[in-house]
Protein backbone atom coordinates (compact mmCIF):
# COMPACT_ATOMS: atom_id res chain seq x y z
CA UNK A 1 77.74 101.02 95.45
CA UNK A 2 80.06 102.61 92.82
CA UNK A 3 80.88 105.40 95.25
CA UNK A 4 82.21 102.77 97.62
CA UNK A 5 84.17 101.02 94.87
CA UNK A 6 85.81 104.45 94.09
CA UNK A 7 86.82 104.57 97.73
CA UNK A 8 88.13 101.40 97.81
CA UNK A 9 90.46 101.86 94.50
CA UNK A 10 91.88 104.93 95.89
CA UNK A 11 92.71 103.23 99.24
CA UNK A 12 94.09 100.38 97.09
CA UNK A 13 96.26 102.85 94.93
CA UNK A 14 97.40 104.76 98.19
CA UNK A 15 98.36 101.99 100.22
CA UNK A 16 100.19 99.94 97.48
CA UNK A 17 102.31 103.25 96.60
CA UNK A 18 103.19 103.75 100.25
CA UNK A 19 103.99 100.12 100.72
CA UNK A 20 106.48 100.44 97.41
CA UNK A 21 107.91 103.44 99.00
CA UNK A 22 108.34 101.95 102.50
CA UNK A 23 110.20 98.99 101.04
CA UNK A 24 112.27 101.27 98.52
CA UNK A 25 113.43 103.12 101.81
CA UNK A 26 114.07 99.74 103.60
CA UNK A 27 116.11 98.74 100.72
CA UNK A 28 118.34 101.50 100.37
CA UNK A 29 118.97 101.33 103.91
CA UNK A 30 119.83 97.59 103.97
CA UNK A 31 122.34 98.12 100.98
CA UNK A 32 124.57 100.02 103.75
CA UNK A 33 123.20 98.68 106.80
CA UNK A 34 126.76 98.15 108.32
CA UNK A 35 128.07 102.12 107.92
CA UNK A 36 125.36 103.17 109.83
CA UNK A 37 125.08 103.46 113.65
CA UNK A 38 123.58 100.44 115.08
CA UNK A 39 120.93 102.38 116.45
CA UNK A 40 119.28 102.46 112.74
CA UNK A 41 117.89 98.96 113.46
CA UNK A 42 115.13 100.41 115.49
CA UNK A 43 113.89 103.01 112.49
CA UNK A 44 114.24 100.12 110.24
CA UNK A 45 111.86 98.01 112.24
CA UNK A 46 109.50 100.67 112.59
CA UNK A 47 109.63 101.09 108.51
CA UNK A 48 108.85 97.38 108.30
CA UNK A 49 105.95 97.87 110.28
CA UNK A 50 104.79 100.72 108.59
CA UNK A 51 105.36 98.69 105.28
CA UNK A 52 103.24 96.01 107.04
CA UNK A 53 100.54 98.37 108.05
CA UNK A 54 100.26 99.70 104.45
CA UNK A 55 100.24 95.72 102.95
CA UNK A 56 97.77 94.65 105.13
CA UNK A 57 95.45 97.70 104.74
CA UNK A 58 95.53 97.08 101.10
CA UNK A 59 94.18 93.86 101.39
CA UNK A 60 91.79 94.87 103.69
CA UNK A 61 90.61 97.43 101.32
CA UNK A 62 91.00 94.80 98.12
CA UNK A 63 88.83 92.23 100.12
CA UNK A 64 85.99 95.15 100.56
CA UNK A 65 85.39 94.81 97.04
CA UNK A 66 84.09 91.28 97.41
CA UNK A 67 81.35 92.79 100.03
CA UNK A 68 80.59 95.14 97.58
CA UNK A 69 79.79 92.52 94.58
CA UNK A 70 77.42 90.81 97.45
CA UNK A 71 75.98 94.04 97.70
CA UNK A 72 77.00 94.09 101.57
CA UNK A 73 77.47 97.78 102.14
CA UNK A 74 77.72 97.47 105.65
CA UNK A 75 80.57 95.02 105.60
CA UNK A 76 82.23 96.79 103.02
CA UNK A 77 82.19 99.84 104.81
CA UNK A 78 83.49 98.04 108.12
CA UNK A 79 86.35 96.98 105.92
CA UNK A 80 87.19 100.16 104.67
CA UNK A 81 87.01 101.29 108.46
CA UNK A 82 89.74 98.84 109.57
CA UNK A 83 91.93 99.29 106.13
CA UNK A 84 91.84 102.79 107.36
CA UNK A 85 92.80 102.06 111.06
CA UNK A 86 95.60 99.73 109.85
CA UNK A 87 96.73 102.57 107.20
CA UNK A 88 97.05 105.63 109.32
CA UNK A 89 98.30 103.93 112.77
CA UNK A 90 100.27 101.13 111.68
CA UNK A 91 101.45 102.95 108.21
CA UNK A 92 101.49 106.37 108.29
CA UNK A 93 102.38 106.99 112.04
CA UNK A 94 104.97 104.18 111.92
CA UNK A 95 106.84 106.03 108.80
CA UNK A 96 106.10 109.41 109.92
CA UNK A 97 107.92 108.53 113.16
CA UNK A 98 111.02 106.37 111.68
CA UNK A 99 111.94 109.54 109.48
CA UNK A 100 113.70 111.07 112.19
CA UNK A 101 115.15 108.23 113.62
CA UNK A 102 116.94 107.09 110.31
CA UNK A 103 118.15 110.57 109.79
CA UNK A 104 119.32 110.59 113.16
CA UNK A 105 121.31 107.27 112.33
CA UNK A 106 122.81 107.96 108.84
CA UNK A 107 123.69 111.68 109.48
CA UNK A 108 125.54 113.78 112.17
CA UNK A 109 124.32 117.08 111.03
CA UNK A 110 122.65 118.23 113.55
CA UNK A 111 120.71 120.91 111.53
CA UNK A 112 119.38 118.00 109.47
CA UNK A 113 118.05 115.80 112.45
CA UNK A 114 116.33 118.46 114.44
CA UNK A 115 114.80 120.00 111.26
CA UNK A 116 113.33 116.37 110.07
CA UNK A 117 112.37 115.57 113.86
CA UNK A 118 110.41 119.26 113.68
CA UNK A 119 108.93 118.78 110.19
CA UNK A 120 107.67 115.25 111.30
CA UNK A 121 106.22 116.76 114.32
CA UNK A 122 104.54 119.70 112.88
CA UNK A 123 103.30 117.79 110.20
CA UNK A 124 101.55 115.50 111.84
CA UNK A 125 100.19 117.41 114.47
CA UNK A 126 98.97 119.97 111.60
CA UNK A 127 97.31 116.91 109.56
CA UNK A 128 95.94 115.31 112.87
CA UNK A 129 93.94 118.63 114.02
CA UNK A 130 93.04 119.12 110.34
CA UNK A 131 89.32 117.35 109.69
CA UNK A 132 90.84 115.51 106.71
CA UNK A 133 92.91 113.15 109.06
CA UNK A 134 91.73 109.80 109.67
CA UNK A 135 92.16 110.32 113.64
CA UNK A 136 89.44 113.11 112.99
CA UNK A 137 86.82 110.55 112.56
CA UNK A 138 88.08 108.39 115.25
CA UNK A 139 88.83 111.03 118.05
CA UNK A 140 87.63 114.62 118.73
CA UNK A 141 88.70 117.41 121.10
CA UNK A 142 90.93 116.49 124.23
CA UNK A 143 91.21 112.69 123.25
CA UNK A 144 92.59 113.46 119.90
CA UNK A 145 94.68 115.91 121.37
CA UNK A 146 96.00 113.60 124.05
CA UNK A 147 96.89 110.77 121.41
CA UNK A 148 98.49 112.92 119.21
CA UNK A 149 100.41 114.79 122.09
CA UNK A 150 101.79 111.26 123.63
CA UNK A 151 102.90 109.88 120.53
CA UNK A 152 104.67 112.74 119.26
CA UNK A 153 106.12 113.35 122.81
CA UNK A 154 106.97 109.54 122.37
CA UNK A 155 109.14 110.22 119.21
CA UNK A 156 110.69 113.42 120.87
CA UNK A 157 111.62 110.86 123.72
CA UNK A 158 113.01 108.05 121.05
CA UNK A 159 114.97 110.64 119.21
CA UNK A 160 116.84 112.25 122.40
CA UNK A 161 117.30 108.44 123.63
CA UNK A 162 118.67 107.33 120.03
CA UNK A 163 121.28 110.51 120.58
CA UNK A 164 122.36 108.98 123.63
CA UNK A 165 120.80 112.00 125.97
CA UNK A 166 117.88 109.39 127.88
CA UNK A 167 118.55 105.87 128.54
CA UNK A 168 116.39 102.79 127.30
CA UNK A 169 116.32 103.36 123.18
CA UNK A 170 115.57 99.75 122.85
CA UNK A 171 113.00 99.39 125.26
CA UNK A 172 111.28 102.96 124.61
CA UNK A 173 111.14 101.79 121.27
CA UNK A 174 109.36 98.48 121.96
CA UNK A 175 106.98 100.50 124.51
CA UNK A 176 105.85 102.48 121.28
CA UNK A 177 105.41 99.50 118.91
CA UNK A 178 103.02 98.03 121.65
CA UNK A 179 101.38 101.73 122.07
CA UNK A 180 100.61 101.86 118.43
CA UNK A 181 99.31 98.40 118.06
CA UNK A 182 97.29 98.70 120.71
CA UNK A 183 96.03 101.68 120.04
CA UNK A 184 95.29 100.58 116.42
CA UNK A 185 93.52 97.37 117.96
CA UNK A 186 91.83 99.77 120.61
CA UNK A 187 90.58 102.29 117.84
CA UNK A 188 89.51 99.36 115.35
CA UNK A 189 87.00 98.77 118.03
CA UNK A 190 85.40 102.41 117.92
CA UNK A 191 82.76 103.29 115.59
CA UNK A 192 83.61 106.43 113.37
CA UNK A 193 82.70 109.77 115.31
């Protein structure tokens, strides 16, 4: 049970830090909101969803400690699984996908815009391919590659739509949010592989 409690403490610490970090970014953006391109609303929404993802995963992790004190390791493991799903798919993914869109909206520097997009996508792809990612506990092989490819392609499409090179930026963004919510819900029904 001590090992579970250590994992819970680590989860709570990480997601608490990430909640504060995303709230800090939102606060910075909101202080100068009117000075940015109106398309900044979508990445701010992504950051808000990320903040809630980290906040609710923190609550789920913290609630797992109650199961530990009741010596119910099976339920505690389920809480940790759900906390990981929320943190990864609604916290981390939404944060990673918000950053290139924020940069796109706040600066006209093409080098910075494309560099951040490439860094975000490359970082997520490498992380997702590693055995250290949460997605590696939920998917393997072709399923994992397909999922990561789809969400990365969505970020590229959103990036280009935000720049006006593709239509329907708001509608595509809403579709992406729905995809991430549906994916998190669907993955929460799986067992860890």
